[in-house]
């Protein structure tokens, strides 16, 4: 009979048993079958199935049978995540079309008529205004400067203002109109001037001058972040400026 025992040698499971009765004294009972030469191949195997079989008619222990490595498990496939879709930049909202009166009021207009209509309704078409030419009222400018500045600020060629109505001696403008007034603007290189006083005038001009598209804010040295304004505001302001094409005296409307 053979008692089977196991122990690990070089991470290889080895089975051994007692020698049969009548074995030589030189035969070591309970001597495990150990490998006397290095077996690099076996050392690389993670798991080796080993068996032992008694040799018939001898006192030798057991014969080593190597079954070989177990099948290598298939590698686990890790799915590659799909790349996130690239979001397209959100386009800025297109401004809605202006709400224009239909039909447009007859000309010549008064300043209060002009102010009640979106400048975009006129395009660059010529517009006639009638009003009182006089010195401007109290006014001041604040915030960053706008260039080209001739579309915003009074120039030497146009120091007067156009009033909606003739102011009274007390500063009132009558019941029908407010004391509204505006600077009119003269394009560089034009021979037109607007410096007369105390007369009714009929002026022809246009809004949305092409130069308005280049209007932008100009800041002083070391401006703070809170001072920055979108140039689109400056362009809208410039587009609403009335640029003179012709000036002629007229009678009261």
Protein backbone atom coordinates (compact mmCIF):
# COMPACT_ATOMS: atom_id res chain seq x y z
CA UNK A 1 0.00 0.00 0.00
CA UNK A 2 1.13 3.56 -0.51
CA UNK A 3 0.35 6.57 1.58
CA UNK A 4 0.17 9.66 -0.58
CA UNK A 5 1.39 12.99 0.63
CA UNK A 6 1.85 16.32 -1.05
CA UNK A 7 4.10 19.31 -0.60
CA UNK A 8 5.15 22.25 -2.83
CA UNK A 9 8.64 22.48 -4.27
CA UNK A 10 9.42 25.50 -6.40
CA UNK A 11 5.69 26.20 -6.56
CA UNK A 12 5.21 22.71 -8.14
CA UNK A 13 2.85 20.28 -6.50
CA UNK A 14 4.76 16.97 -5.86
CA UNK A 15 3.20 13.78 -4.65
CA UNK A 16 5.29 11.16 -2.82
CA UNK A 17 4.70 7.95 -0.92
CA UNK A 18 6.51 5.47 1.36
CA UNK A 19 8.79 3.01 -0.34
CA UNK A 20 7.44 -0.56 -0.63
CA UNK A 21 8.26 -3.12 1.99
CA UNK A 22 11.66 -4.70 1.32
CA UNK A 23 13.22 -1.61 -0.22
CA UNK A 24 16.94 -1.00 0.20
CA UNK A 25 18.15 0.90 3.23
CA UNK A 26 19.63 3.44 0.89
CA UNK A 27 16.17 4.17 -0.36
CA UNK A 28 14.88 7.00 1.75
CA UNK A 29 11.38 6.32 2.95
CA UNK A 30 9.09 9.29 2.92
CA UNK A 31 11.63 11.05 0.75
CA UNK A 32 9.87 13.42 -1.60
CA UNK A 33 10.82 13.33 -5.17
CA UNK A 34 12.84 16.50 -5.54
CA UNK A 35 14.38 17.81 -8.69
CA UNK A 36 18.17 17.69 -8.58
CA UNK A 37 18.68 20.03 -11.49
CA UNK A 38 17.15 23.46 -11.94
CA UNK A 39 14.09 23.42 -14.07
CA UNK A 40 13.58 26.91 -15.34
CA UNK A 41 10.74 25.81 -17.52
CA UNK A 42 8.81 24.35 -14.60
CA UNK A 43 9.56 27.38 -12.48
CA UNK A 44 7.79 29.54 -15.01
CA UNK A 45 4.63 27.49 -14.88
CA UNK A 46 2.11 28.86 -12.48
CA UNK A 47 0.30 25.56 -12.03
CA UNK A 48 1.58 22.10 -13.00
CA UNK A 49 -0.34 18.89 -12.55
CA UNK A 50 2.00 16.17 -11.24
CA UNK A 51 1.42 12.43 -10.71
CA UNK A 52 3.51 9.51 -9.46
CA UNK A 53 3.35 5.86 -10.42
CA UNK A 54 5.24 3.05 -8.63
CA UNK A 55 7.73 1.20 -10.78
CA UNK A 56 6.87 -2.46 -10.78
CA UNK A 57 9.44 -4.80 -9.13
CA UNK A 58 11.62 -1.95 -7.84
CA UNK A 59 11.93 -0.09 -4.62
CA UNK A 60 12.08 3.28 -6.33
CA UNK A 61 9.50 5.79 -5.27
CA UNK A 62 7.53 7.29 -8.06
CA UNK A 63 7.97 8.51 -11.60
CA UNK A 64 7.18 12.22 -12.26
CA UNK A 65 4.66 12.94 -14.98
CA UNK A 66 4.18 16.57 -16.03
CA UNK A 67 0.82 17.17 -17.56
CA UNK A 68 1.58 20.75 -18.66
CA UNK A 69 0.15 24.17 -17.98
CA UNK A 70 -3.52 24.77 -17.74
CA UNK A 71 -5.12 26.68 -20.59
CA UNK A 72 -4.44 30.39 -20.41
CA UNK A 73 -7.72 32.25 -19.88
CA UNK A 74 -8.77 34.54 -22.67
CA UNK A 75 -7.89 38.18 -22.03
CA UNK A 76 -10.67 40.38 -20.77
CA UNK A 77 -11.55 42.98 -23.38
CA UNK A 78 -12.18 46.41 -21.92
CA UNK A 79 -14.39 48.44 -24.25
CA UNK A 80 -12.91 51.72 -25.35
CA UNK A 81 -15.24 54.56 -24.39
CA UNK A 82 -16.67 56.46 -27.28
CA UNK A 83 -15.31 60.01 -27.52
CA UNK A 84 -17.67 62.69 -26.37
CA UNK A 85 -19.22 64.56 -29.27
CA UNK A 86 -17.77 68.01 -29.85
CA UNK A 87 -20.43 70.58 -29.25
CA UNK A 88 -20.78 73.23 -31.90
CA UNK A 89 -20.51 76.78 -30.62
CA UNK A 90 -23.86 78.35 -29.99
CA UNK A 91 -24.48 81.04 -32.53
CA UNK A 92 -25.45 84.42 -31.20
CA UNK A 93 -29.12 85.23 -31.42
CA UNK A 94 -30.04 87.15 -34.54
CA UNK A 95 -31.84 90.35 -33.57
CA UNK A 96 -35.47 90.36 -34.64
CA UNK A 97 -36.49 92.64 -37.50
CA UNK A 98 -37.52 96.13 -36.43
CA UNK A 99 -41.15 96.93 -35.88
CA UNK A 100 -41.76 99.64 -38.42
CA UNK A 101 -44.98 101.65 -38.82
CA UNK A 102 -46.97 100.97 -41.94
CA UNK A 103 -47.28 103.25 -43.69
CA UNK A 104 -44.32 105.35 -42.62
CA UNK A 105 -45.30 108.85 -41.49
CA UNK A 106 -45.23 111.54 -44.12
CA UNK A 107 -42.28 113.90 -44.29
CA UNK A 108 -40.99 116.29 -43.17
CA UNK A 109 -40.88 114.69 -39.75
CA UNK A 110 -40.42 116.27 -36.38
CA UNK A 111 -37.81 115.06 -33.91
CA UNK A 112 -40.39 113.28 -31.76
CA UNK A 113 -41.57 111.38 -34.88
CA UNK A 114 -38.03 110.34 -35.66
CA UNK A 115 -37.31 109.18 -32.13
CA UNK A 116 -40.40 106.98 -32.08
CA UNK A 117 -39.20 104.87 -35.03
CA UNK A 118 -36.39 102.31 -35.01
CA UNK A 119 -33.49 103.73 -37.08
CA UNK A 120 -33.30 100.40 -38.92
CA UNK A 121 -36.68 101.15 -40.50
CA UNK A 122 -35.14 103.96 -42.54
CA UNK A 123 -32.02 102.22 -43.78
CA UNK A 124 -29.83 104.87 -45.38
CA UNK A 125 -32.70 106.59 -47.22
CA UNK A 126 -32.85 110.37 -47.08
CA UNK A 127 -35.15 111.83 -44.40
CA UNK A 128 -36.49 115.37 -44.10
CA UNK A 129 -36.87 117.06 -40.70
CA UNK A 130 -38.26 120.43 -39.75
CA UNK A 131 -37.30 122.15 -36.53
CA UNK A 132 -35.93 125.16 -34.76
CA UNK A 133 -32.19 125.82 -35.06
CA UNK A 134 -30.64 127.23 -31.90
CA UNK A 135 -27.86 126.72 -29.38
CA UNK A 136 -27.97 123.29 -27.70
CA UNK A 137 -29.32 122.78 -24.23
CA UNK A 138 -27.31 121.60 -21.28
CA UNK A 139 -25.56 118.35 -22.09
CA UNK A 140 -22.61 116.29 -21.01
CA UNK A 141 -20.88 113.10 -22.06
CA UNK A 142 -19.63 110.35 -19.78
CA UNK A 143 -18.18 106.92 -20.13
CA UNK A 144 -15.56 105.79 -22.64
CA UNK A 145 -15.08 107.81 -25.80
CA UNK A 146 -16.47 106.61 -29.10
CA UNK A 147 -14.63 106.69 -32.40
CA UNK A 148 -15.10 107.85 -35.11
CA UNK A 149 -16.16 110.70 -32.86
CA UNK A 150 -17.80 112.90 -35.51
CA UNK A 151 -20.86 110.61 -35.37
CA UNK A 152 -21.38 111.26 -31.63
CA UNK A 153 -19.90 114.56 -30.48
CA UNK A 154 -20.51 118.12 -31.74
CA UNK A 155 -17.99 119.33 -34.32
CA UNK A 156 -16.92 122.81 -35.31
CA UNK A 157 -19.04 122.52 -38.45
CA UNK A 158 -22.21 121.79 -36.46
CA UNK A 159 -22.31 123.55 -33.09
CA UNK A 160 -26.00 124.30 -33.24
CA UNK A 161 -28.82 121.92 -32.35
CA UNK A 162 -32.17 121.14 -33.93
CA UNK A 163 -35.08 121.62 -31.53
CA UNK A 164 -38.42 119.90 -31.81
CA UNK A 165 -40.19 123.22 -31.28
CA UNK A 166 -39.31 126.83 -30.65
CA UNK A 167 -38.59 127.27 -26.95
CA UNK A 168 -40.48 130.03 -25.17
CA UNK A 169 -38.79 132.75 -23.21
CA UNK A 170 -39.33 130.69 -20.06
CA UNK A 171 -37.80 127.58 -21.57
CA UNK A 172 -41.08 125.77 -22.23
CA UNK A 173 -41.90 124.20 -25.59
CA UNK A 174 -45.68 124.40 -25.75
CA UNK A 175 -48.29 121.76 -25.11
CA UNK A 176 -47.89 119.74 -28.28
CA UNK A 177 -44.20 118.92 -28.07
CA UNK A 178 -41.48 118.33 -25.53
CA UNK A 179 -38.30 120.36 -25.33
CA UNK A 180 -36.50 117.71 -27.31
CA UNK A 181 -33.36 118.64 -29.22
CA UNK A 182 -30.51 116.82 -30.94
CA UNK A 183 -27.08 117.40 -32.38
CA UNK A 184 -26.88 116.91 -36.13
CA UNK A 185 -23.65 115.65 -37.66
CA UNK A 186 -21.52 116.60 -40.63
CA UNK A 187 -19.36 113.97 -42.33
CA UNK A 188 -15.65 114.73 -42.70
CA UNK A 189 -14.91 116.48 -45.99
CA UNK A 190 -18.46 117.86 -46.35
CA UNK A 191 -18.97 121.58 -47.06
CA UNK A 192 -22.22 121.68 -45.02
CA UNK A 193 -22.33 123.70 -41.81
CA UNK A 194 -24.98 123.93 -39.11
CA UNK A 195 -24.08 126.91 -36.94
CA UNK A 196 -27.06 129.28 -37.42
CA UNK A 197 -29.36 130.35 -34.58
CA UNK A 198 -33.01 131.14 -33.96
CA UNK A 199 -34.62 130.13 -37.23
CA UNK A 200 -36.84 127.41 -38.63
CA UNK A 201 -34.96 125.06 -40.89
CA UNK A 202 -35.73 122.13 -43.16
CA UNK A 203 -32.87 119.64 -43.05
CA UNK A 204 -32.30 116.53 -45.14
CA UNK A 205 -30.04 113.73 -44.02
CA UNK A 206 -29.83 110.04 -43.22
CA UNK A 207 -29.39 107.55 -40.41
CA UNK A 208 -27.32 104.35 -40.46
CA UNK A 209 -24.28 105.98 -41.99
CA UNK A 210 -21.81 103.31 -43.21
CA UNK A 211 -19.19 104.71 -40.82
CA UNK A 212 -21.35 103.53 -37.90
CA UNK A 213 -20.19 99.96 -38.49
CA UNK A 214 -16.68 100.98 -37.41
CA UNK A 215 -17.75 102.70 -34.20
CA UNK A 216 -16.03 101.39 -31.09
CA UNK A 217 -15.19 102.44 -27.55
CA UNK A 218 -11.80 103.91 -26.66
CA UNK A 219 -10.52 103.55 -23.11
CA UNK A 220 -7.97 105.50 -21.15
CA UNK A 221 -4.85 103.99 -19.60
CA UNK A 222 -5.38 101.19 -17.08
CA UNK A 223 -9.17 100.88 -17.40
CA UNK A 224 -10.99 98.71 -14.89
CA UNK A 225 -12.83 95.62 -16.09
CA UNK A 226 -16.17 97.21 -15.21
CA UNK A 227 -15.57 100.00 -17.74
CA UNK A 228 -15.56 97.74 -20.79
CA UNK A 229 -18.69 97.90 -22.92
CA UNK A 230 -19.64 95.96 -26.06
CA UNK A 231 -18.78 97.84 -29.25
CA UNK A 232 -22.19 96.86 -30.59
CA UNK A 233 -23.64 99.48 -28.23
CA UNK A 234 -21.42 102.14 -29.77
CA UNK A 235 -22.40 101.04 -33.27
CA UNK A 236 -26.11 101.28 -32.43
CA UNK A 237 -25.56 104.76 -31.00
CA UNK A 238 -23.70 105.89 -34.13
CA UNK A 239 -26.35 104.39 -36.42
CA UNK A 240 -29.03 106.60 -34.81
CA UNK A 241 -27.08 109.83 -35.53
CA UNK A 242 -28.57 112.11 -38.17
CA UNK A 243 -25.97 112.96 -40.81
CA UNK A 244 -26.71 116.14 -42.74
CA UNK A 245 -27.03 116.24 -46.52
CA UNK A 246 -28.72 119.61 -46.97
CA UNK A 247 -29.87 122.60 -44.84
CA UNK A 248 -32.35 125.32 -45.89
CA UNK A 249 -34.37 127.96 -44.08
CA UNK A 250 -38.13 127.51 -43.90
CA UNK A 251 -41.20 128.86 -42.21
CA UNK A 252 -42.86 127.57 -39.06
CA UNK A 253 -44.75 124.29 -39.63
